[in-house]
């Protein structure tokens, strides 16, 4: 089946993306809802991976001058290991470049560090704990 990667199309897709984030971060990983829902979604560009009309992946981009903060990457457990996260990262690059950004920054959960390294991100600083999960700051310079 074909997976389409694009911006959220409407309120129903946005609700599906938020529900997926809740399942992945709050239910699966134990992140408190107050930390997952930070009040910044209305200021962001949201990308989704859609298959057969169902949101199976999502991420969020916050633009601050020439920097993009990438966050909230979530893929449905049944859709993992199919390259969806990598495709969302590629779509994020395209959005950032299209907006004139010079870099993308993120806080990667340490178990996913290799995903970001493979996409050209470099670690910045030391491992730290956020929402009781180890993270590392990473950055990618754009052409």
Protein backbone atom coordinates (compact mmCIF):
# COMPACT_ATOMS: atom_id res chain seq x y z
CA UNK A 1 0.00 0.00 0.00
CA UNK A 2 1.16 3.54 -0.74
CA UNK A 3 2.13 5.85 2.12
CA UNK A 4 1.71 9.57 1.44
CA UNK A 5 3.88 12.02 3.39
CA UNK A 6 2.53 15.59 3.51
CA UNK A 7 1.23 18.42 5.64
CA UNK A 8 -1.88 17.77 7.73
CA UNK A 9 -4.88 18.33 5.45
CA UNK A 10 -7.69 19.13 7.90
CA UNK A 11 -8.91 19.06 11.49
CA UNK A 12 -9.69 15.33 11.36
CA UNK A 13 -6.11 14.51 10.34
CA UNK A 14 -4.77 16.84 13.02
CA UNK A 15 -6.90 15.04 15.61
CA UNK A 16 -5.60 11.69 14.32
CA UNK A 17 -2.00 12.93 14.55
CA UNK A 18 -2.53 14.12 18.13
CA UNK A 19 -4.16 10.80 19.03
CA UNK A 20 -1.18 8.91 17.56
CA UNK A 21 1.22 11.07 19.58
CA UNK A 22 -0.81 10.37 22.72
CA UNK A 23 -0.67 6.60 22.09
CA UNK A 24 3.06 6.59 21.40
CA UNK A 25 4.32 9.09 23.95
CA UNK A 26 1.83 8.94 26.83
CA UNK A 27 0.56 5.36 26.69
CA UNK A 28 3.56 3.48 25.25
CA UNK A 29 6.41 5.55 26.73
CA UNK A 30 4.78 6.93 29.87
CA UNK A 31 5.31 10.62 29.08
CA UNK A 32 2.95 12.76 31.18
CA UNK A 33 0.24 14.36 29.03
CA UNK A 34 1.16 17.82 30.36
CA UNK A 35 4.62 17.40 28.82
CA UNK A 36 3.38 15.98 25.50
CA UNK A 37 0.77 18.72 25.03
CA UNK A 38 2.88 21.86 25.39
CA UNK A 39 0.62 24.49 23.82
CA UNK A 40 2.81 24.96 20.74
CA UNK A 41 0.90 22.83 18.23
CA UNK A 42 -1.03 25.83 16.91
CA UNK A 43 2.24 27.54 15.93
CA UNK A 44 3.66 24.53 14.10
CA UNK A 45 3.61 22.82 10.73
CA UNK A 46 2.49 19.23 11.17
CA UNK A 47 3.49 16.50 8.76
CA UNK A 48 1.72 13.16 8.51
CA UNK A 49 2.23 9.78 6.92
CA UNK A 50 -1.12 8.55 5.61
CA UNK A 51 -1.90 5.04 4.43
CA UNK A 52 -5.37 3.98 3.29
CA UNK A 53 -6.81 7.15 4.82
CA UNK A 54 -5.24 6.48 8.24
CA UNK A 55 -2.52 8.58 9.91
CA UNK A 56 0.33 6.19 10.72
CA UNK A 57 3.08 8.73 11.37
CA UNK A 58 3.49 12.35 12.34
CA UNK A 59 5.99 15.03 13.31
CA UNK A 60 5.97 18.72 14.14
CA UNK A 61 8.07 21.65 12.91
CA UNK A 62 8.37 24.97 14.74
CA UNK A 63 10.02 27.77 12.79
CA UNK A 64 12.11 30.34 14.68
CA UNK A 65 13.79 32.70 12.24
CA UNK A 66 16.19 30.49 10.23
CA UNK A 67 16.04 27.53 12.60
CA UNK A 68 13.46 24.75 12.64
CA UNK A 69 12.74 22.80 15.82
CA UNK A 70 11.79 19.26 14.83
CA UNK A 71 9.77 17.31 17.41
CA UNK A 72 6.99 14.88 18.20
CA UNK A 73 8.05 12.23 15.67
CA UNK A 74 5.71 9.28 16.20
CA UNK A 75 5.01 6.20 14.08
CA UNK A 76 2.23 3.72 14.76
CA UNK A 77 3.71 0.51 16.23
CA UNK A 78 2.24 -1.56 13.40
CA UNK A 79 3.91 0.64 10.78
CA UNK A 80 7.45 0.77 12.20
CA UNK A 81 10.56 -0.47 10.40
CA UNK A 82 9.12 0.57 7.02
CA UNK A 83 11.11 3.78 6.52
CA UNK A 84 8.26 6.08 7.53
CA UNK A 85 10.31 8.02 10.10
CA UNK A 86 13.05 8.53 7.51
CA UNK A 87 10.51 9.80 4.99
CA UNK A 88 9.08 12.21 7.58
CA UNK A 89 12.62 13.51 8.21
CA UNK A 90 13.10 14.03 4.46
CA UNK A 91 9.79 15.90 4.22
CA UNK A 92 10.85 18.05 7.19
CA UNK A 93 14.08 18.92 5.37
CA UNK A 94 12.09 19.97 2.30
CA UNK A 95 9.76 22.15 4.42
CA UNK A 96 12.69 23.75 6.23
CA UNK A 97 14.65 24.45 3.04
CA UNK A 98 11.53 25.81 1.37
CA UNK A 99 11.11 28.26 4.25
CA UNK A 100 14.74 29.41 4.04
CA UNK A 101 15.88 27.70 7.24
CA UNK A 102 19.61 27.15 7.78
CA UNK A 103 19.38 24.35 10.34
CA UNK A 104 17.09 21.90 12.07
CA UNK A 105 17.49 21.12 15.77
CA UNK A 106 15.89 18.39 17.87
CA UNK A 107 16.02 16.45 21.11
CA UNK A 108 16.38 12.79 20.13
CA UNK A 109 15.49 9.96 22.43
CA UNK A 110 18.82 8.16 22.73
CA UNK A 111 17.43 4.84 21.46
CA UNK A 112 16.62 6.64 18.16
CA UNK A 113 19.97 8.43 17.83
CA UNK A 114 21.06 6.24 14.89
CA UNK A 115 17.98 7.23 12.88
CA UNK A 116 19.01 10.88 13.12
CA UNK A 117 22.73 10.21 12.59
CA UNK A 118 21.88 8.37 9.35
CA UNK A 119 19.94 11.47 8.22
CA UNK A 120 22.89 13.81 8.76
CA UNK A 121 22.22 15.08 12.28
CA UNK A 122 25.12 15.63 14.66
CA UNK A 123 24.97 15.34 18.46
CA UNK A 124 25.35 18.54 20.48
CA UNK A 125 26.30 18.27 24.14
CA UNK A 126 25.64 15.50 26.62
CA UNK A 127 22.76 13.10 27.22
CA UNK A 128 20.05 14.60 29.42
CA UNK A 129 16.72 13.44 30.81
CA UNK A 130 13.46 14.89 29.53
CA UNK A 131 10.09 13.37 30.56
CA UNK A 132 12.11 10.65 32.34
CA UNK A 133 13.61 9.51 29.02
CA UNK A 134 17.25 9.98 27.98
CA UNK A 135 17.68 12.45 25.12
CA UNK A 136 20.49 14.12 23.23
CA UNK A 137 20.35 17.45 21.41
CA UNK A 138 21.13 17.10 17.71
CA UNK A 139 21.48 19.52 14.81
CA UNK A 140 21.51 19.33 11.05
CA UNK A 141 22.88 22.15 8.89
CA UNK A 142 20.97 22.76 5.67
CA UNK A 143 22.57 23.77 2.35
